[in-house]
Amino acid sequence: MAEKREVSIKMPDDKLGGVYANQMMVSHTREEFVLDFINLFPPTGVVNARVIVSPGHLKRMIRALTDNLSRYESRFGQVIEAEPPAAQEDSMQAARQLHGEYVELQNRLSLIQEKTMEAHPELQKQEQAFLDLMMAKMTSSGGGSPKDDLVAIEKLEQKLRSEDTPDGERQALMAEYQEKAMAFRTAQVQALKDPEVQKAQGALRDATLTAMKQQDPQTEQLMQQLEQKQNEMKQMLEAAGHAQ
């Protein structure tokens, strides 16, 4: 049985007040979900927070929210979903449409990239060489190697996904997983600052992009459209911020 561990969580002073959100937009890639929390005050709105989580974490968050909502309703009565005002809905519809177009472009480019990697073994080797270099530049938080840390994280993920893991152990496992995953991510960020890693990353990016354009002639056009959507979303958020 896993030993229960106390986890100390610090609340920075600038986070104590929290932020208010009455809308949320969600997008995803294969690896992660992006949650944009929005304070919408028609005819404008502003993103107050962006939270990026893994699919596994999101599923547990949804379960926690569902459980808490159920307990709330059992104590205070059924919650009726609020109908947004027409002006608010119009503003959000435009934002959702733009966001959806952006995500669709991202997904199309991701699919082209996947097919490109499958068709070019040399790119797979270059990618593996880059990952090996990253690992070599990273420092381990557990006294072993970064590869050992990654294996430990994957084992914890398997335990958390397993239905055989007792509920009483999940809290300690989750705390350990979050601690190791955060340390691993911090080590990755530090490694990416290394000039040799940056050079290898740039070479891999350029080689992949060249191969993608050969794989699908629409790649260049899709990238231009993606950049345009990014600029439109930025302008929309800036306009909302200035208006408030």
C-alpha atoms as a PDB file:
ATOM      1  CA  MET A   1       0.000   0.000   0.000  1.00  0.00           C
ATOM      2  CA  ALA A   2       1.338   3.416  -0.971  1.00  0.00           C
ATOM      3  CA  GLU A   3       2.366   5.597   1.925  1.00  0.00           C
ATOM      4  CA  LYS A   4       0.221   8.707   2.330  1.00  0.00           C
ATOM      5  CA  ARG A   5       2.231  11.883   1.902  1.00  0.00           C
ATOM      6  CA  GLU A   6       1.457  15.418   2.980  1.00  0.00           C
ATOM      7  CA  VAL A   7       1.643  17.841   0.059  1.00  0.00           C
ATOM      8  CA  SER A   8       2.366  21.481   0.794  1.00  0.00           C
ATOM      9  CA  ILE A   9       0.651  23.767  -1.715  1.00  0.00           C
ATOM     10  CA  LYS A  10       1.599  27.431  -1.753  1.00  0.00           C
ATOM     11  CA  MET A  11      -0.980  30.052  -2.726  1.00  0.00           C
ATOM     12  CA  PRO A  12       0.827  33.126  -4.113  1.00  0.00           C
ATOM     13  CA  ASP A  13      -0.528  36.437  -2.873  1.00  0.00           C
ATOM     14  CA  ASP A  14      -1.458  37.549  -6.388  1.00  0.00           C
ATOM     15  CA  LYS A  15      -3.678  34.455  -6.786  1.00  0.00           C
ATOM     16  CA  LEU A  16      -5.631  34.804  -3.536  1.00  0.00           C
ATOM     17  CA  GLY A  17      -8.313  37.010  -5.114  1.00  0.00           C
ATOM     18  CA  GLY A  18      -8.941  34.555  -7.933  1.00  0.00           C
ATOM     19  CA  VAL A  19     -10.448  35.525 -11.277  1.00  0.00           C
ATOM     20  CA  TYR A  20     -14.063  35.551 -12.418  1.00  0.00           C
ATOM     21  CA  ALA A  21     -15.191  33.605 -15.478  1.00  0.00           C
ATOM     22  CA  ASN A  22     -18.656  33.164 -16.956  1.00  0.00           C
ATOM     23  CA  GLN A  23     -17.617  31.441 -20.173  1.00  0.00           C
ATOM     24  CA  MET A  24     -15.074  28.847 -21.213  1.00  0.00           C
ATOM     25  CA  MET A  25     -13.672  27.713 -24.541  1.00  0.00           C
ATOM     26  CA  VAL A  26     -12.045  24.315 -24.932  1.00  0.00           C
ATOM     27  CA  SER A  27      -9.676  23.040 -27.618  1.00  0.00           C
ATOM     28  CA  HIS A  28      -7.395  20.035 -27.785  1.00  0.00           C
ATOM     29  CA  THR A  29      -4.586  18.256 -29.549  1.00  0.00           C
ATOM     30  CA  ARG A  30      -3.708  14.593 -29.153  1.00  0.00           C
ATOM     31  CA  GLU A  31      -1.464  15.400 -26.173  1.00  0.00           C
ATOM     32  CA  GLU A  32      -3.357  18.096 -24.252  1.00  0.00           C
ATOM     33  CA  PHE A  33      -6.513  20.128 -23.640  1.00  0.00           C
ATOM     34  CA  VAL A  34      -6.524  23.939 -23.516  1.00  0.00           C
ATOM     35  CA  LEU A  35      -9.153  25.602 -21.301  1.00  0.00           C
ATOM     36  CA  ASP A  36      -9.659  29.353 -21.776  1.00  0.00           C
ATOM     37  CA  PHE A  37     -11.648  30.936 -18.948  1.00  0.00           C
ATOM     38  CA  ILE A  38     -13.364  34.129 -20.065  1.00  0.00           C
ATOM     39  CA  ASN A  39     -14.976  37.053 -18.287  1.00  0.00           C
ATOM     40  CA  LEU A  40     -17.577  38.096 -20.829  1.00  0.00           C
ATOM     41  CA  PHE A  41     -19.317  41.420 -20.395  1.00  0.00           C
ATOM     42  CA  PRO A  42     -21.155  42.168 -23.668  1.00  0.00           C
ATOM     43  CA  PRO A  43     -20.156  43.392 -26.114  1.00  0.00           C
ATOM     44  CA  THR A  44     -16.606  42.554 -24.983  1.00  0.00           C
ATOM     45  CA  GLY A  45     -14.779  39.883 -23.033  1.00  0.00           C
ATOM     46  CA  VAL A  46     -11.299  38.944 -21.913  1.00  0.00           C
ATOM     47  CA  VAL A  47      -9.498  35.649 -21.240  1.00  0.00           C
ATOM     48  CA  ASN A  48      -8.642  35.722 -17.535  1.00  0.00           C
ATOM     49  CA  ALA A  49      -6.811  32.392 -17.436  1.00  0.00           C
ATOM     50  CA  ARG A  50      -5.571  29.669 -19.772  1.00  0.00           C
ATOM     51  CA  VAL A  51      -5.107  26.214 -18.269  1.00  0.00           C
ATOM     52  CA  ILE A  52      -3.382  23.412 -20.203  1.00  0.00           C
ATOM     53  CA  VAL A  53      -3.876  19.852 -18.960  1.00  0.00           C
ATOM     54  CA  SER A  54      -3.265  16.312 -20.176  1.00  0.00           C
ATOM     55  CA  PRO A  55      -6.297  14.210 -21.233  1.00  0.00           C
ATOM     56  CA  GLY A  56      -5.845  11.979 -18.194  1.00  0.00           C
ATOM     57  CA  HIS A  57      -5.818  14.915 -15.793  1.00  0.00           C
ATOM     58  CA  LEU A  58      -8.833  16.476 -17.512  1.00  0.00           C
ATOM     59  CA  LYS A  59     -10.841  13.291 -17.070  1.00  0.00           C
ATOM     60  CA  ARG A  60     -10.100  13.252 -13.349  1.00  0.00           C
ATOM     61  CA  MET A  61     -10.949  16.966 -13.114  1.00  0.00           C
ATOM     62  CA  ILE A  62     -14.301  16.346 -14.816  1.00  0.00           C
ATOM     63  CA  ARG A  63     -15.011  13.526 -12.371  1.00  0.00           C
ATOM     64  CA  ALA A  64     -14.126  15.771  -9.421  1.00  0.00           C
ATOM     65  CA  LEU A  65     -16.354  18.576 -10.744  1.00  0.00           C
ATOM     66  CA  THR A  66     -19.223  16.143 -11.387  1.00  0.00           C
ATOM     67  CA  ASP A  67     -18.916  14.706  -7.870  1.00  0.00           C
ATOM     68  CA  ASN A  68     -18.865  18.171  -6.292  1.00  0.00           C
ATOM     69  CA  LEU A  69     -21.841  19.348  -8.328  1.00  0.00           C
ATOM     70  CA  SER A  70     -23.763  16.253  -7.282  1.00  0.00           C
ATOM     71  CA  ARG A  71     -22.997  16.909  -3.600  1.00  0.00           C
ATOM     72  CA  TYR A  72     -23.954  20.572  -4.019  1.00  0.00           C
ATOM     73  CA  GLU A  73     -27.319  19.671  -5.563  1.00  0.00           C
ATOM     74  CA  SER A  74     -28.046  17.086  -2.886  1.00  0.00           C
ATOM     75  CA  ARG A  75     -27.591  19.807  -0.280  1.00  0.00           C
ATOM     76  CA  PHE A  76     -28.928  22.949  -1.969  1.00  0.00           C
ATOM     77  CA  GLY A  77     -31.203  21.644  -4.730  1.00  0.00           C
ATOM     78  CA  GLN A  78     -30.924  21.223  -8.485  1.00  0.00           C
ATOM     79  CA  VAL A  79     -28.856  23.757 -10.397  1.00  0.00           C
ATOM     80  CA  ILE A  80     -30.571  25.125 -13.501  1.00  0.00           C
ATOM     81  CA  GLU A  81     -28.166  25.910 -16.345  1.00  0.00           C
ATOM     82  CA  ALA A  82     -28.207  29.633 -17.076  1.00  0.00           C
ATOM     83  CA  GLU A  83     -29.263  30.850 -20.504  1.00  0.00           C
ATOM     84  CA  PRO A  84     -26.760  33.434 -21.814  1.00  0.00           C
ATOM     85  CA  PRO A  85     -28.142  36.816 -22.939  1.00  0.00           C
ATOM     86  CA  ALA A  86     -28.542  37.180 -26.697  1.00  0.00           C
ATOM     87  CA  ALA A  87     -25.752  39.771 -26.990  1.00  0.00           C
ATOM     88  CA  GLN A  88     -23.439  37.596 -24.958  1.00  0.00           C
ATOM     89  CA  GLU A  89     -24.298  34.554 -27.051  1.00  0.00           C
ATOM     90  CA  ASP A  90     -23.627  36.446 -30.290  1.00  0.00           C
ATOM     91  CA  SER A  91     -20.220  37.555 -29.045  1.00  0.00           C
ATOM     92  CA  MET A  92     -19.334  34.072 -27.856  1.00  0.00           C
ATOM     93  CA  GLN A  93     -20.553  32.512 -31.099  1.00  0.00           C
ATOM     94  CA  ALA A  94     -18.081  34.621 -33.076  1.00  0.00           C
ATOM     95  CA  ALA A  95     -15.276  33.681 -30.680  1.00  0.00           C
ATOM     96  CA  ARG A  96     -16.207  29.984 -30.784  1.00  0.00           C
ATOM     97  CA  GLN A  97     -16.304  29.983 -34.570  1.00  0.00           C
ATOM     98  CA  LEU A  98     -12.869  31.602 -34.826  1.00  0.00           C
ATOM     99  CA  HIS A  99     -11.501  29.251 -32.193  1.00  0.00           C
ATOM    100  CA  GLY A 100     -12.981  26.241 -33.971  1.00  0.00           C
ATOM    101  CA  GLU A 101     -11.431  27.261 -37.291  1.00  0.00           C
ATOM    102  CA  TYR A 102      -8.064  27.635 -35.563  1.00  0.00           C
ATOM    103  CA  VAL A 103      -8.294  24.182 -33.966  1.00  0.00           C
ATOM    104  CA  GLU A 104      -9.341  22.617 -37.278  1.00  0.00           C
ATOM    105  CA  LEU A 105      -6.243  24.056 -38.966  1.00  0.00           C
ATOM    106  CA  GLN A 106      -4.066  22.777 -36.119  1.00  0.00           C
ATOM    107  CA  ASN A 107      -5.540  19.295 -36.482  1.00  0.00           C
ATOM    108  CA  ARG A 108      -5.036  19.230 -40.254  1.00  0.00           C
ATOM    109  CA  LEU A 109      -1.397  20.248 -39.872  1.00  0.00           C
ATOM    110  CA  SER A 110      -0.887  17.660 -37.116  1.00  0.00           C
ATOM    111  CA  LEU A 111      -2.252  14.947 -39.411  1.00  0.00           C
ATOM    112  CA  ILE A 112       0.098  16.012 -42.208  1.00  0.00           C
ATOM    113  CA  GLN A 113       2.990  15.947 -39.755  1.00  0.00           C
ATOM    114  CA  GLU A 114       2.087  12.433 -38.579  1.00  0.00           C
ATOM    115  CA  LYS A 115       1.930  11.133 -42.167  1.00  0.00           C
ATOM    116  CA  THR A 116       5.199  12.894 -42.967  1.00  0.00           C
ATOM    117  CA  MET A 117       6.994  11.266 -40.048  1.00  0.00           C
ATOM    118  CA  GLU A 118       5.655   7.854 -41.032  1.00  0.00           C
ATOM    119  CA  ALA A 119       6.893   8.326 -44.609  1.00  0.00           C
ATOM    120  CA  HIS A 120      10.378   9.577 -43.657  1.00  0.00           C
ATOM    121  CA  PRO A 121      12.417   7.205 -41.447  1.00  0.00           C
ATOM    122  CA  GLU A 122      15.295   9.679 -41.512  1.00  0.00           C
ATOM    123  CA  LEU A 123      13.091  12.248 -39.767  1.00  0.00           C
ATOM    124  CA  GLN A 124      12.190   9.670 -37.123  1.00  0.00           C
ATOM    125  CA  LYS A 125      15.907   9.108 -36.489  1.00  0.00           C
ATOM    126  CA  GLN A 126      16.523  12.865 -36.325  1.00  0.00           C
ATOM    127  CA  GLU A 127      13.637  13.255 -33.882  1.00  0.00           C
ATOM    128  CA  GLN A 128      14.981  10.428 -31.704  1.00  0.00           C
ATOM    129  CA  ALA A 129      18.451  11.996 -31.764  1.00  0.00           C
ATOM    130  CA  PHE A 130      16.921  15.291 -30.602  1.00  0.00           C
ATOM    131  CA  LEU A 131      15.033  13.543 -27.785  1.00  0.00           C
ATOM    132  CA  ASP A 132      18.201  11.702 -26.735  1.00  0.00           C
ATOM    133  CA  LEU A 133      20.082  15.011 -26.667  1.00  0.00           C
ATOM    134  CA  MET A 134      17.321  16.533 -24.545  1.00  0.00           C
ATOM    135  CA  MET A 135      17.569  13.654 -22.089  1.00  0.00           C
ATOM    136  CA  ALA A 136      21.346  14.043 -21.925  1.00  0.00           C
ATOM    137  CA  LYS A 137      21.013  17.735 -21.071  1.00  0.00           C
ATOM    138  CA  MET A 138      18.295  17.237 -18.461  1.00  0.00           C
ATOM    139  CA  THR A 139      18.987  16.758 -14.762  1.00  0.00           C
ATOM    140  CA  SER A 140      17.156  14.168 -12.693  1.00  0.00           C
ATOM    141  CA  SER A 141      15.225  15.123  -9.572  1.00  0.00           C
ATOM    142  CA  GLY A 142      15.479  11.632  -8.096  1.00  0.00           C
ATOM    143  CA  GLY A 143      19.208  11.029  -8.225  1.00  0.00           C
ATOM    144  CA  GLY A 144      18.951   8.689 -11.214  1.00  0.00           C
ATOM    145  CA  SER A 145      18.614   9.596 -14.875  1.00  0.00           C
ATOM    146  CA  PRO A 146      15.818  11.494 -16.680  1.00  0.00           C
ATOM    147  CA  LYS A 147      14.904   8.216 -18.411  1.00  0.00           C
ATOM    148  CA  ASP A 148      14.420   6.642 -14.978  1.00  0.00           C
ATOM    149  CA  ASP A 149      12.189   9.598 -14.033  1.00  0.00           C
ATOM    150  CA  LEU A 150      10.131   9.130 -17.208  1.00  0.00           C
ATOM    151  CA  VAL A 151       9.691   5.403 -16.530  1.00  0.00           C
ATOM    152  CA  ALA A 152       8.552   6.204 -12.991  1.00  0.00           C
ATOM    153  CA  ILE A 153       6.027   8.754 -14.287  1.00  0.00           C
ATOM    154  CA  GLU A 154       4.644   6.271 -16.816  1.00  0.00           C
ATOM    155  CA  LYS A 155       4.251   3.612 -14.106  1.00  0.00           C
ATOM    156  CA  LEU A 156       2.363   6.073 -11.914  1.00  0.00           C
ATOM    157  CA  GLU A 157       0.096   6.933 -14.871  1.00  0.00           C
ATOM    158  CA  GLN A 158      -0.676   3.245 -15.350  1.00  0.00           C
ATOM    159  CA  LYS A 159      -1.563   2.846 -11.684  1.00  0.00           C
ATOM    160  CA  LEU A 160      -3.830   5.890 -11.769  1.00  0.00           C
ATOM    161  CA  ARG A 161      -5.614   4.585 -14.876  1.00  0.00           C
ATOM    162  CA  SER A 162      -6.028   1.095 -13.463  1.00  0.00           C
ATOM    163  CA  GLU A 163      -9.445   0.270 -12.016  1.00  0.00           C
ATOM    164  CA  ASP A 164      -7.676  -2.124  -9.630  1.00  0.00           C
ATOM    165  CA  THR A 165      -5.969   0.736  -7.775  1.00  0.00           C
ATOM    166  CA  PRO A 166      -7.834   1.313  -4.457  1.00  0.00           C
ATOM    167  CA  ASP A 167      -9.398   4.762  -4.069  1.00  0.00           C
ATOM    168  CA  GLY A 168      -7.533   5.169  -0.791  1.00  0.00           C
ATOM    169  CA  GLU A 169      -4.198   5.070  -2.639  1.00  0.00           C
ATOM    170  CA  ARG A 170      -5.081   7.451  -5.449  1.00  0.00           C
ATOM    171  CA  GLN A 171      -4.504  10.676  -3.529  1.00  0.00           C
ATOM    172  CA  ALA A 172      -0.945   9.712  -2.594  1.00  0.00           C
ATOM    173  CA  LEU A 173      -0.269   8.395  -6.111  1.00  0.00           C
ATOM    174  CA  MET A 174      -1.607  11.598  -7.658  1.00  0.00           C
ATOM    175  CA  ALA A 175       0.548  13.751  -5.384  1.00  0.00           C
ATOM    176  CA  GLU A 176       3.637  11.719  -6.299  1.00  0.00           C
ATOM    177  CA  TYR A 177       2.752  11.836 -10.003  1.00  0.00           C
ATOM    178  CA  GLN A 178       2.259  15.608  -9.997  1.00  0.00           C
ATOM    179  CA  GLU A 179       5.531  16.150  -8.143  1.00  0.00           C
ATOM    180  CA  LYS A 180       7.534  13.996 -10.561  1.00  0.00           C
ATOM    181  CA  ALA A 181       5.783  15.327 -13.674  1.00  0.00           C
ATOM    182  CA  MET A 182       6.375  18.938 -12.627  1.00  0.00           C
ATOM    183  CA  ALA A 183      10.055  18.280 -11.917  1.00  0.00           C
ATOM    184  CA  PHE A 184      10.442  16.516 -15.277  1.00  0.00           C
ATOM    185  CA  ARG A 185       8.757  19.375 -17.122  1.00  0.00           C
ATOM    186  CA  THR A 186      10.988  21.917 -15.347  1.00  0.00           C
ATOM    187  CA  ALA A 187      14.058  19.935 -16.405  1.00  0.00           C
ATOM    188  CA  GLN A 188      12.770  19.911 -20.002  1.00  0.00           C
ATOM    189  CA  VAL A 189      12.324  23.685 -19.996  1.00  0.00           C
ATOM    190  CA  GLN A 190      15.851  24.176 -18.691  1.00  0.00           C
ATOM    191  CA  ALA A 191      17.286  21.783 -21.294  1.00  0.00           C
ATOM    192  CA  LEU A 192      15.555  23.718 -24.084  1.00  0.00           C
ATOM    193  CA  LYS A 193      17.609  26.764 -23.136  1.00  0.00           C
ATOM    194  CA  ASP A 194      20.819  24.933 -24.024  1.00  0.00           C
ATOM    195  CA  PRO A 195      22.301  26.275 -27.319  1.00  0.00           C
ATOM    196  CA  GLU A 196      23.057  22.774 -28.621  1.00  0.00           C
ATOM    197  CA  VAL A 197      19.475  21.662 -27.946  1.00  0.00           C
ATOM    198  CA  GLN A 198      18.066  24.795 -29.564  1.00  0.00           C
ATOM    199  CA  LYS A 199      20.184  24.193 -32.673  1.00  0.00           C
ATOM    200  CA  ALA A 200      19.010  20.574 -32.930  1.00  0.00           C
ATOM    201  CA  GLN A 201      15.409  21.632 -32.355  1.00  0.00           C
ATOM    202  CA  GLY A 202      15.619  24.224 -35.131  1.00  0.00           C
ATOM    203  CA  ALA A 203      17.176  21.736 -37.556  1.00  0.00           C
ATOM    204  CA  LEU A 204      14.452  19.170 -36.804  1.00  0.00           C
ATOM    205  CA  ARG A 205      11.734  21.798 -37.226  1.00  0.00           C
ATOM    206  CA  ASP A 206      13.116  22.970 -40.580  1.00  0.00           C
ATOM    207  CA  ALA A 207      13.580  19.433 -41.901  1.00  0.00           C
ATOM    208  CA  THR A 208      10.077  18.437 -40.801  1.00  0.00           C
ATOM    209  CA  LEU A 209       8.505  21.519 -42.377  1.00  0.00           C
ATOM    210  CA  THR A 210      10.307  20.916 -45.680  1.00  0.00           C
ATOM    211  CA  ALA A 211       9.140  17.300 -45.727  1.00  0.00           C
ATOM    212  CA  MET A 212       5.565  18.320 -44.826  1.00  0.00           C
ATOM    213  CA  LYS A 213       5.436  20.677 -47.803  1.00  0.00           C
ATOM    214  CA  GLN A 214       6.570  17.826 -50.037  1.00  0.00           C
ATOM    215  CA  GLN A 215       4.078  15.458 -48.433  1.00  0.00           C
ATOM    216  CA  ASP A 216       1.128  17.833 -48.870  1.00  0.00           C
ATOM    217  CA  PRO A 217       1.296  20.965 -51.069  1.00  0.00           C
ATOM    218  CA  GLN A 218      -1.419  22.578 -48.923  1.00  0.00           C
ATOM    219  CA  THR A 219       0.911  22.794 -45.924  1.00  0.00           C
ATOM    220  CA  GLU A 220       2.152  26.306 -46.723  1.00  0.00           C
ATOM    221  CA  GLN A 221      -1.378  27.622 -47.246  1.00  0.00           C
ATOM    222  CA  LEU A 222      -2.614  25.976 -44.042  1.00  0.00           C
ATOM    223  CA  MET A 223       0.237  27.532 -42.054  1.00  0.00           C
ATOM    224  CA  GLN A 224      -0.564  30.968 -43.440  1.00  0.00           C
ATOM    225  CA  GLN A 225      -4.224  30.497 -42.514  1.00  0.00           C
ATOM    226  CA  LEU A 226      -3.219  29.357 -39.033  1.00  0.00           C
ATOM    227  CA  GLU A 227      -1.103  32.469 -38.538  1.00  0.00           C
ATOM    228  CA  GLN A 228      -4.000  34.615 -39.756  1.00  0.00           C
ATOM    229  CA  LYS A 229      -6.379  33.005 -37.250  1.00  0.00           C
ATOM    230  CA  GLN A 230      -3.827  33.547 -34.479  1.00  0.00           C
ATOM    231  CA  ASN A 231      -3.652  37.238 -35.333  1.00  0.00           C
ATOM    232  CA  GLU A 232      -7.455  37.519 -35.471  1.00  0.00           C
ATOM    233  CA  MET A 233      -7.815  35.910 -32.048  1.00  0.00           C
ATOM    234  CA  LYS A 234      -5.106  38.177 -30.638  1.00  0.00           C
ATOM    235  CA  GLN A 235      -6.825  41.249 -32.050  1.00  0.00           C
ATOM    236  CA  MET A 236     -10.170  40.112 -30.650  1.00  0.00           C
ATOM    237  CA  LEU A 237      -8.698  39.646 -27.163  1.00  0.00           C
ATOM    238  CA  GLU A 238      -6.809  42.951 -27.307  1.00  0.00           C
ATOM    239  CA  ALA A 239      -9.940  44.800 -28.396  1.00  0.00           C
ATOM    240  CA  ALA A 240     -11.896  43.218 -25.548  1.00  0.00           C
ATOM    241  CA  GLY A 241      -9.204  44.202 -23.049  1.00  0.00           C
ATOM    242  CA  HIS A 242      -9.072  47.811 -24.232  1.00  0.00           C
ATOM    243  CA  ALA A 243     -12.859  48.071 -24.141  1.00  0.00           C
ATOM    244  CA  GLN A 244     -12.907  47.051 -20.481  1.00  0.00           C
END
